[in-house]
Amino acid sequence: MIKKCNRKHTTSLQQTQEEVEEVKVIMLDNLNKAKEREGKLGDLEDRANELLEKVRGVPEKLGNLTSQQEVLFMKVWPVQAAPGLLAIKGHGET
């Protein structure tokens, strides 16, 4: 009876150790993924700041435009800006 109880205890202990090891592997994987995302978020933040710096001069430039040029600018600007904005949006989803 004691041998049977010891085997059961050993098997249970081994199973628990295996489960702990599985959880450890999953946690390490999650930590690695979090570090990777942190780097990607930093890159995304840098790109957003660069775009912000580029856009800051736009209002001053608009003040010098004639009304005809302003209408043309307002039609063309979103088309030119869209690929950059879509690239940023797409980068954040990966």
PDB file of N, CA and C in Angstrom:
ATOM      1  N   MET A   1       0.814  -1.188   0.000  1.00  0.00           N
ATOM      2  CA  MET A   1       0.000   0.000   0.000  1.00  0.00           C
ATOM      3  C   MET A   1       0.861   1.257   0.000  1.00  0.00           C
ATOM      4  N   ILE A   2       1.957   1.257   0.759  1.00  0.00           N
ATOM      5  CA  ILE A   2       2.852   2.420   0.813  1.00  0.00           C
ATOM      6  C   ILE A   2       3.503   2.629  -0.545  1.00  0.00           C
ATOM      7  N   LYS A   3       3.936   1.536  -1.199  1.00  0.00           N
ATOM      8  CA  LYS A   3       4.546   1.653  -2.517  1.00  0.00           C
ATOM      9  C   LYS A   3       3.563   2.254  -3.518  1.00  0.00           C
ATOM     10  N   LYS A   4       2.334   1.821  -3.464  1.00  0.00           N
ATOM     11  CA  LYS A   4       1.308   2.321  -4.375  1.00  0.00           C
ATOM     12  C   LYS A   4       1.082   3.812  -4.137  1.00  0.00           C
ATOM     13  N   CYS A   5       1.044   4.222  -2.901  1.00  0.00           N
ATOM     14  CA  CYS A   5       0.858   5.638  -2.556  1.00  0.00           C
ATOM     15  C   CYS A   5       2.052   6.464  -3.019  1.00  0.00           C
ATOM     16  N   ASN A   6       3.272   5.961  -2.844  1.00  0.00           N
ATOM     17  CA  ASN A   6       4.483   6.674  -3.277  1.00  0.00           C
ATOM     18  C   ASN A   6       4.518   6.845  -4.791  1.00  0.00           C
ATOM     19  N   ARG A   7       4.123   5.786  -5.525  1.00  0.00           N
ATOM     20  CA  ARG A   7       4.087   5.889  -6.990  1.00  0.00           C
ATOM     21  C   ARG A   7       3.095   6.949  -7.435  1.00  0.00           C
ATOM     22  N   LYS A   8       1.942   6.943  -6.808  1.00  0.00           N
ATOM     23  CA  LYS A   8       0.907   7.911  -7.154  1.00  0.00           C
ATOM     24  C   LYS A   8       1.403   9.328  -6.870  1.00  0.00           C
ATOM     25  N   HIS A   9       2.067   9.490  -5.724  1.00  0.00           N
ATOM     26  CA  HIS A   9       2.611  10.796  -5.347  1.00  0.00           C
ATOM     27  C   HIS A   9       3.693  11.234  -6.333  1.00  0.00           C
ATOM     28  N   THR A  10       4.590  10.317  -6.708  1.00  0.00           N
ATOM     29  CA  THR A  10       5.665  10.617  -7.650  1.00  0.00           C
ATOM     30  C   THR A  10       5.089  10.991  -9.010  1.00  0.00           C
ATOM     31  N   THR A  11       4.112  10.240  -9.477  1.00  0.00           N
ATOM     32  CA  THR A  11       3.482  10.531 -10.761  1.00  0.00           C
ATOM     33  C   THR A  11       2.806  11.896 -10.729  1.00  0.00           C
ATOM     34  N   SER A  12       2.125  12.171  -9.644  1.00  0.00           N
ATOM     35  CA  SER A  12       1.452  13.466  -9.498  1.00  0.00           C
ATOM     36  C   SER A  12       2.470  14.596  -9.465  1.00  0.00           C
ATOM     37  N   LEU A  13       3.576  14.385  -8.754  1.00  0.00           N
ATOM     38  CA  LEU A  13       4.642  15.391  -8.676  1.00  0.00           C
ATOM     39  C   LEU A  13       5.272  15.620 -10.046  1.00  0.00           C
ATOM     40  N   GLN A  14       5.524  14.553 -10.783  1.00  0.00           N
ATOM     41  CA  GLN A  14       6.098  14.679 -12.124  1.00  0.00           C
ATOM     42  C   GLN A  14       5.147  15.435 -13.053  1.00  0.00           C
ATOM     43  N   GLN A  15       3.875  15.121 -12.959  1.00  0.00           N
ATOM     44  CA  GLN A  15       2.889  15.802 -13.803  1.00  0.00           C
ATOM     45  C   GLN A  15       2.853  17.289 -13.466  1.00  0.00           C
ATOM     46  N   THR A  16       2.885  17.619 -12.199  1.00  0.00           N
ATOM     47  CA  THR A  16       2.881  19.021 -11.779  1.00  0.00           C
ATOM     48  C   THR A  16       4.136  19.737 -12.277  1.00  0.00           C
ATOM     49  N   GLN A  17       5.286  19.073 -12.181  1.00  0.00           N
ATOM     50  CA  GLN A  17       6.534  19.673 -12.664  1.00  0.00           C
ATOM     51  C   GLN A  17       6.481  19.913 -14.173  1.00  0.00           C
ATOM     52  N   GLU A  18       5.903  18.971 -14.911  1.00  0.00           N
ATOM     53  CA  GLU A  18       5.762  19.142 -16.356  1.00  0.00           C
ATOM     54  C   GLU A  18       4.841  20.311 -16.681  1.00  0.00           C
ATOM     55  N   GLU A  19       3.748  20.437 -15.933  1.00  0.00           N
ATOM     56  CA  GLU A  19       2.832  21.550 -16.157  1.00  0.00           C
ATOM     57  C   GLU A  19       3.499  22.884 -15.843  1.00  0.00           C
ATOM     58  N   VAL A  20       4.282  22.917 -14.770  1.00  0.00           N
ATOM     59  CA  VAL A  20       5.014  24.135 -14.412  1.00  0.00           C
ATOM     60  C   VAL A  20       5.996  24.491 -15.526  1.00  0.00           C
ATOM     61  N   GLU A  21       6.659  23.507 -16.077  1.00  0.00           N
ATOM     62  CA  GLU A  21       7.612  23.749 -17.169  1.00  0.00           C
ATOM     63  C   GLU A  21       6.898  24.299 -18.400  1.00  0.00           C
ATOM     64  N   GLU A  22       5.714  23.767 -18.706  1.00  0.00           N
ATOM     65  CA  GLU A  22       4.923  24.279 -19.835  1.00  0.00           C
ATOM     66  C   GLU A  22       4.553  25.741 -19.625  1.00  0.00           C
ATOM     67  N   VAL A  23       4.112  26.061 -18.418  1.00  0.00           N
ATOM     68  CA  VAL A  23       3.737  27.445 -18.104  1.00  0.00           C
ATOM     69  C   VAL A  23       4.958  28.352 -18.213  1.00  0.00           C
ATOM     70  N   LYS A  24       6.091  27.871 -17.762  1.00  0.00           N
ATOM     71  CA  LYS A  24       7.339  28.643 -17.834  1.00  0.00           C
ATOM     72  C   LYS A  24       7.686  28.966 -19.285  1.00  0.00           C
ATOM     73  N   VAL A  25       7.571  27.978 -20.157  1.00  0.00           N
ATOM     74  CA  VAL A  25       7.870  28.171 -21.577  1.00  0.00           C
ATOM     75  C   VAL A  25       6.912  29.200 -22.186  1.00  0.00           C
ATOM     76  N   ILE A  26       5.637  29.086 -21.854  1.00  0.00           N
ATOM     77  CA  ILE A  26       4.636  30.032 -22.376  1.00  0.00           C
ATOM     78  C   ILE A  26       4.927  31.448 -21.884  1.00  0.00           C
ATOM     79  N   MET A  27       5.273  31.583 -20.608  1.00  0.00           N
ATOM     80  CA  MET A  27       5.562  32.907 -20.049  1.00  0.00           C
ATOM     81  C   MET A  27       6.795  33.529 -20.710  1.00  0.00           C
ATOM     82  N   LEU A  28       7.830  32.741 -20.924  1.00  0.00           N
ATOM     83  CA  LEU A  28       9.036  33.259 -21.581  1.00  0.00           C
ATOM     84  C   LEU A  28       8.726  33.698 -23.013  1.00  0.00           C
ATOM     85  N   ASP A  29       7.905  32.914 -23.700  1.00  0.00           N
ATOM     86  CA  ASP A  29       7.495  33.269 -25.054  1.00  0.00           C
ATOM     87  C   ASP A  29       6.722  34.588 -25.049  1.00  0.00           C
ATOM     88  N   ASN A  30       5.808  34.739 -24.089  1.00  0.00           N
ATOM     89  CA  ASN A  30       5.041  35.980 -23.983  1.00  0.00           C
ATOM     90  C   ASN A  30       5.946  37.172 -23.674  1.00  0.00           C
ATOM     91  N   LEU A  31       6.937  36.984 -22.824  1.00  0.00           N
ATOM     92  CA  LEU A  31       7.881  38.069 -22.528  1.00  0.00           C
ATOM     93  C   LEU A  31       8.664  38.482 -23.783  1.00  0.00           C
ATOM     94  N   ASN A  32       9.107  37.486 -24.551  1.00  0.00           N
ATOM     95  CA  ASN A  32       9.833  37.792 -25.787  1.00  0.00           C
ATOM     96  C   ASN A  32       8.953  38.555 -26.774  1.00  0.00           C
ATOM     97  N   LYS A  33       7.691  38.143 -26.886  1.00  0.00           N
ATOM     98  CA  LYS A  33       6.763  38.834 -27.789  1.00  0.00           C
ATOM     99  C   LYS A  33       6.520  40.265 -27.312  1.00  0.00           C
ATOM    100  N   ALA A  34       6.408  40.462 -26.011  1.00  0.00           N
ATOM    101  CA  ALA A  34       6.190  41.809 -25.465  1.00  0.00           C
ATOM    102  C   ALA A  34       7.386  42.707 -25.752  1.00  0.00           C
ATOM    103  N   LYS A  35       8.596  42.181 -25.620  1.00  0.00           N
ATOM    104  CA  LYS A  35       9.800  42.967 -25.925  1.00  0.00           C
ATOM    105  C   LYS A  35       9.839  43.339 -27.407  1.00  0.00           C
ATOM    106  N   GLU A  36       9.449  42.398 -28.256  1.00  0.00           N
ATOM    107  CA  GLU A  36       9.418  42.657 -29.697  1.00  0.00           C
ATOM    108  C   GLU A  36       8.403  43.757 -30.026  1.00  0.00           C
ATOM    109  N   ARG A  37       7.223  43.675 -29.412  1.00  0.00           N
ATOM    110  CA  ARG A  37       6.202  44.703 -29.637  1.00  0.00           C
ATOM    111  C   ARG A  37       6.672  46.061 -29.134  1.00  0.00           C
ATOM    112  N   GLU A  38       7.375  46.062 -28.008  1.00  0.00           N
ATOM    113  CA  GLU A  38       7.884  47.324 -27.465  1.00  0.00           C
ATOM    114  C   GLU A  38       8.805  48.003 -28.481  1.00  0.00           C
ATOM    115  N   GLY A  39       9.654  47.227 -29.119  1.00  0.00           N
ATOM    116  CA  GLY A  39      10.543  47.781 -30.140  1.00  0.00           C
ATOM    117  C   GLY A  39       9.771  48.312 -31.331  1.00  0.00           C
ATOM    118  N   LYS A  40       8.760  47.567 -31.752  1.00  0.00           N
ATOM    119  CA  LYS A  40       7.944  48.010 -32.885  1.00  0.00           C
ATOM    120  C   LYS A  40       7.175  49.276 -32.539  1.00  0.00           C
ATOM    121  N   LEU A  41       6.665  49.362 -31.313  1.00  0.00           N
ATOM    122  CA  LEU A  41       5.948  50.566 -30.899  1.00  0.00           C
ATOM    123  C   LEU A  41       6.877  51.771 -30.857  1.00  0.00           C
ATOM    124  N   GLY A  42       8.110  51.560 -30.425  1.00  0.00           N
ATOM    125  CA  GLY A  42       9.094  52.650 -30.423  1.00  0.00           C
ATOM    126  C   GLY A  42       9.367  53.141 -31.835  1.00  0.00           C
ATOM    127  N   ASP A  43       9.517  52.205 -32.779  1.00  0.00           N
ATOM    128  CA  ASP A  43       9.732  52.581 -34.181  1.00  0.00           C
ATOM    129  C   ASP A  43       8.532  53.351 -34.720  1.00  0.00           C
ATOM    130  N   LEU A  44       7.343  52.891 -34.395  1.00  0.00           N
ATOM    131  CA  LEU A  44       6.125  53.544 -34.847  1.00  0.00           C
ATOM    132  C   LEU A  44       6.019  54.957 -34.276  1.00  0.00           C
ATOM    133  N   GLU A  45       6.371  55.114 -33.021  1.00  0.00           N
ATOM    134  CA  GLU A  45       6.340  56.433 -32.391  1.00  0.00           C
ATOM    135  C   GLU A  45       7.339  57.380 -33.074  1.00  0.00           C
ATOM    136  N   ASP A  46       8.519  56.874 -33.400  1.00  0.00           N
ATOM    137  CA  ASP A  46       9.516  57.690 -34.108  1.00  0.00           C
ATOM    138  C   ASP A  46       8.991  58.132 -35.468  1.00  0.00           C
ATOM    139  N   ARG A  47       8.373  57.212 -36.187  1.00  0.00           N
ATOM    140  CA  ARG A  47       7.824  57.549 -37.508  1.00  0.00           C
ATOM    141  C   ARG A  47       6.707  58.582 -37.390  1.00  0.00           C
ATOM    142  N   ALA A  48       5.857  58.440 -36.376  1.00  0.00           N
ATOM    143  CA  ALA A  48       4.765  59.393 -36.172  1.00  0.00           C
ATOM    144  C   ALA A  48       5.325  60.780 -35.858  1.00  0.00           C
ATOM    145  N   ASN A  49       6.373  60.832 -35.053  1.00  0.00           N
ATOM    146  CA  ASN A  49       6.997  62.126 -34.738  1.00  0.00           C
ATOM    147  C   ASN A  49       7.614  62.767 -35.972  1.00  0.00           C
ATOM    148  N   GLU A  50       8.228  61.953 -36.831  1.00  0.00           N
ATOM    149  CA  GLU A  50       8.786  62.480 -38.080  1.00  0.00           C
ATOM    150  C   GLU A  50       7.691  63.073 -38.957  1.00  0.00           C
ATOM    151  N   LEU A  51       6.581  62.367 -39.080  1.00  0.00           N
ATOM    152  CA  LEU A  51       5.460  62.874 -39.874  1.00  0.00           C
ATOM    153  C   LEU A  51       4.894  64.152 -39.271  1.00  0.00           C
ATOM    154  N   LEU A  52       4.820  64.212 -37.966  1.00  0.00           N
ATOM    155  CA  LEU A  52       4.317  65.407 -37.294  1.00  0.00           C
ATOM    156  C   LEU A  52       5.212  66.605 -37.597  1.00  0.00           C
ATOM    157  N   GLU A  53       6.508  66.392 -37.576  1.00  0.00           N
ATOM    158  CA  GLU A  53       7.443  67.477 -37.894  1.00  0.00           C
ATOM    159  C   GLU A  53       7.259  67.949 -39.342  1.00  0.00           C
ATOM    160  N   LYS A  54       7.018  67.025 -40.246  1.00  0.00           N
ATOM    161  CA  LYS A  54       6.823  67.387 -41.651  1.00  0.00           C
ATOM    162  C   LYS A  54       5.533  68.177 -41.847  1.00  0.00           C
ATOM    163  N   VAL A  55       4.497  67.843 -41.091  1.00  0.00           N
ATOM    164  CA  VAL A  55       3.189  68.473 -41.262  1.00  0.00           C
ATOM    165  C   VAL A  55       3.123  69.842 -40.585  1.00  0.00           C
ATOM    166  N   ARG A  56       3.969  70.089 -39.624  1.00  0.00           N
ATOM    167  CA  ARG A  56       3.906  71.356 -38.877  1.00  0.00           C
ATOM    168  C   ARG A  56       4.046  72.577 -39.777  1.00  0.00           C
ATOM    169  N   GLY A  57       4.749  72.492 -40.879  1.00  0.00           N
ATOM    170  CA  GLY A  57       4.924  73.632 -41.772  1.00  0.00           C
ATOM    171  C   GLY A  57       3.764  73.862 -42.724  1.00  0.00           C
ATOM    172  N   VAL A  58       2.828  72.934 -42.781  1.00  0.00           N
ATOM    173  CA  VAL A  58       1.727  73.021 -43.740  1.00  0.00           C
ATOM    174  C   VAL A  58       0.848  74.264 -43.518  1.00  0.00           C
ATOM    175  N   PRO A  59       0.416  74.600 -42.300  1.00  0.00           N
ATOM    176  CA  PRO A  59      -0.448  75.779 -42.141  1.00  0.00           C
ATOM    177  C   PRO A  59       0.197  77.081 -42.628  1.00  0.00           C
ATOM    178  N   GLU A  60       1.484  77.255 -42.395  1.00  0.00           N
ATOM    179  CA  GLU A  60       2.163  78.460 -42.864  1.00  0.00           C
ATOM    180  C   GLU A  60       2.170  78.526 -44.387  1.00  0.00           C
ATOM    181  N   LYS A  61       2.374  77.390 -45.013  1.00  0.00           N
ATOM    182  CA  LYS A  61       2.378  77.342 -46.470  1.00  0.00           C
ATOM    183  C   LYS A  61       0.997  77.659 -47.029  1.00  0.00           C
ATOM    184  N   LEU A  62      -0.034  77.225 -46.340  1.00  0.00           N
ATOM    185  CA  LEU A  62      -1.392  77.493 -46.800  1.00  0.00           C
ATOM    186  C   LEU A  62      -1.708  78.984 -46.780  1.00  0.00           C
ATOM    187  N   GLY A  63      -1.143  79.725 -45.845  1.00  0.00           N
ATOM    188  CA  GLY A  63      -1.404  81.160 -45.752  1.00  0.00           C
ATOM    189  C   GLY A  63      -0.932  81.916 -46.982  1.00  0.00           C
ATOM    190  N   ASN A  64       0.037  81.400 -47.704  1.00  0.00           N
ATOM    191  CA  ASN A  64       0.588  82.063 -48.883  1.00  0.00           C
ATOM    192  C   ASN A  64      -0.091  81.654 -50.189  1.00  0.00           C
ATOM    193  N   LEU A  65      -1.042  80.745 -50.138  1.00  0.00           N
ATOM    194  CA  LEU A  65      -1.676  80.259 -51.357  1.00  0.00           C
ATOM    195  C   LEU A  65      -2.851  81.148 -51.769  1.00  0.00           C
ATOM    196  N   THR A  66      -3.051  81.238 -53.051  1.00  0.00           N
ATOM    197  CA  THR A  66      -4.255  81.901 -53.548  1.00  0.00           C
ATOM    198  C   THR A  66      -5.417  80.945 -53.346  1.00  0.00           C
ATOM    199  N   SER A  67      -6.621  81.396 -53.464  1.00  0.00           N
ATOM    200  CA  SER A  67      -7.770  80.520 -53.229  1.00  0.00           C
ATOM    201  C   SER A  67      -7.805  79.364 -54.229  1.00  0.00           C
ATOM    202  N   GLN A  68      -7.378  79.607 -55.467  1.00  0.00           N
ATOM    203  CA  GLN A  68      -7.368  78.527 -56.463  1.00  0.00           C
ATOM    204  C   GLN A  68      -6.317  77.477 -56.077  1.00  0.00           C
ATOM    205  N   GLN A  69      -5.149  77.938 -55.635  1.00  0.00           N
ATOM    206  CA  GLN A  69      -4.106  77.004 -55.217  1.00  0.00           C
ATOM    207  C   GLN A  69      -4.538  76.235 -53.965  1.00  0.00           C
ATOM    208  N   GLU A  70      -5.266  76.925 -53.083  1.00  0.00           N
ATOM    209  CA  GLU A  70      -5.723  76.286 -51.853  1.00  0.00           C
ATOM    210  C   GLU A  70      -6.701  75.153 -52.166  1.00  0.00           C
ATOM    211  N   VAL A  71      -7.604  75.378 -53.101  1.00  0.00           N
ATOM    212  CA  VAL A  71      -8.559  74.331 -53.493  1.00  0.00           C
ATOM    213  C   VAL A  71      -7.802  73.140 -54.071  1.00  0.00           C
ATOM    214  N   LEU A  72      -6.840  73.405 -54.935  1.00  0.00           N
ATOM    215  CA  LEU A  72      -6.047  72.330 -55.527  1.00  0.00           C
ATOM    216  C   LEU A  72      -5.284  71.574 -54.434  1.00  0.00           C
ATOM    217  N   PHE A  73      -4.687  72.317 -53.508  1.00  0.00           N
ATOM    218  CA  PHE A  73      -3.935  71.686 -52.419  1.00  0.00           C
ATOM    219  C   PHE A  73      -4.838  70.787 -51.580  1.00  0.00           C
ATOM    220  N   MET A  74      -6.024  71.254 -51.263  1.00  0.00           N
ATOM    221  CA  MET A  74      -6.940  70.490 -50.422  1.00  0.00           C
ATOM    222  C   MET A  74      -7.416  69.220 -51.135  1.00  0.00           C
ATOM    223  N   LYS A  75      -7.410  69.212 -52.474  1.00  0.00           N
ATOM    224  CA  LYS A  75      -7.789  68.016 -53.224  1.00  0.00           C
ATOM    225  C   LYS A  75      -6.630  67.020 -53.291  1.00  0.00           C
ATOM    226  N   VAL A  76      -5.413  67.527 -53.434  1.00  0.00           N
ATOM    227  CA  VAL A  76      -4.244  66.679 -53.665  1.00  0.00           C
ATOM    228  C   VAL A  76      -3.616  66.185 -52.361  1.00  0.00           C
ATOM    229  N   TRP A  77      -3.599  67.015 -51.334  1.00  0.00           N
ATOM    230  CA  TRP A  77      -2.898  66.671 -50.094  1.00  0.00           C
ATOM    231  C   TRP A  77      -3.358  65.346 -49.483  1.00  0.00           C
ATOM    232  N   PRO A  78      -4.672  65.107 -49.362  1.00  0.00           N
ATOM    233  CA  PRO A  78      -5.081  63.812 -48.773  1.00  0.00           C
ATOM    234  C   PRO A  78      -4.621  62.616 -49.595  1.00  0.00           C
ATOM    235  N   VAL A  79      -4.585  62.763 -50.900  1.00  0.00           N
ATOM    236  CA  VAL A  79      -4.144  61.664 -51.764  1.00  0.00           C
ATOM    237  C   VAL A  79      -2.665  61.385 -51.542  1.00  0.00           C
ATOM    238  N   GLN A  80      -1.878  62.447 -51.359  1.00  0.00           N
ATOM    239  CA  GLN A  80      -0.447  62.268 -51.135  1.00  0.00           C
ATOM    240  C   GLN A  80      -0.158  61.733 -49.734  1.00  0.00           C
ATOM    241  N   ALA A  81      -0.958  62.119 -48.763  1.00  0.00           N
ATOM    242  CA  ALA A  81      -0.724  61.699 -47.382  1.00  0.00           C
ATOM    243  C   ALA A  81      -1.246  60.292 -47.103  1.00  0.00           C
ATOM    244  N   ALA A  82      -2.231  59.834 -47.844  1.00  0.00           N
ATOM    245  CA  ALA A  82      -2.888  58.556 -47.567  1.00  0.00           C
ATOM    246  C   ALA A  82      -1.926  57.360 -47.524  1.00  0.00           C
ATOM    247  N   PRO A  83      -1.007  57.208 -48.478  1.00  0.00           N
ATOM    248  CA  PRO A  83      -0.126  56.024 -48.404  1.00  0.00           C
ATOM    249  C   PRO A  83       0.694  55.978 -47.117  1.00  0.00           C
ATOM    250  N   GLY A  84       1.192  57.131 -46.675  1.00  0.00           N
ATOM    251  CA  GLY A  84       1.962  57.155 -45.437  1.00  0.00           C
ATOM    252  C   GLY A  84       1.111  56.805 -44.236  1.00  0.00           C
ATOM    253  N   LEU A  85      -0.104  57.323 -44.191  1.00  0.00           N
ATOM    254  CA  LEU A  85      -0.995  57.032 -43.070  1.00  0.00           C
ATOM    255  C   LEU A  85      -1.420  55.567 -43.069  1.00  0.00           C
ATOM    256  N   LEU A  86      -1.666  55.014 -44.250  1.00  0.00           N
ATOM    257  CA  LEU A  86      -2.042  53.598 -44.338  1.00  0.00           C
ATOM    258  C   LEU A  86      -0.867  52.700 -43.942  1.00  0.00           C
ATOM    259  N   ALA A  87       0.343  53.118 -44.295  1.00  0.00           N
ATOM    260  CA  ALA A  87       1.515  52.328 -43.931  1.00  0.00           C
ATOM    261  C   ALA A  87       1.672  52.296 -42.414  1.00  0.00           C
ATOM    262  N   ILE A  88       1.439  53.416 -41.773  1.00  0.00           N
ATOM    263  CA  ILE A  88       1.542  53.462 -40.319  1.00  0.00           C
ATOM    264  C   ILE A  88       0.458  52.598 -39.696  1.00  0.00           C
ATOM    265  N   LYS A  89      -0.754  52.710 -40.214  1.00  0.00           N
ATOM    266  CA  LYS A  89      -1.864  51.907 -39.677  1.00  0.00           C
ATOM    267  C   LYS A  89      -1.569  50.428 -39.854  1.00  0.00           C
ATOM    268  N   GLY A  90      -1.086  50.050 -41.015  1.00  0.00           N
ATOM    269  CA  GLY A  90      -0.757  48.654 -41.278  1.00  0.00           C
ATOM    270  C   GLY A  90       0.370  48.142 -40.410  1.00  0.00           C
ATOM    271  N   HIS A  91       1.337  49.008 -40.112  1.00  0.00           N
ATOM    272  CA  HIS A  91       2.473  48.602 -39.269  1.00  0.00           C
ATOM    273  C   HIS A  91       2.013  48.320 -37.846  1.00  0.00           C
ATOM    274  N   GLY A  92       1.045  49.063 -37.365  1.00  0.00           N
ATOM    275  CA  GLY A  92       0.546  48.873 -36.005  1.00  0.00           C
ATOM    276  C   GLY A  92      -0.239  47.590 -35.828  1.00  0.00           C
ATOM    277  N   GLU A  93      -0.725  46.998 -36.902  1.00  0.00           N
ATOM    278  CA  GLU A  93      -1.540  45.792 -36.810  1.00  0.00           C
ATOM    279  C   GLU A  93      -0.709  44.522 -36.784  1.00  0.00           C
ATOM    280  N   THR A  94       0.573  44.616 -37.114  1.00  0.00           N
ATOM    281  CA  THR A  94       1.376  43.392 -37.144  1.00  0.00           C
ATOM    282  C   THR A  94       1.885  43.011 -35.801  1.00  0.00           C
TER     283      THR A  94
END
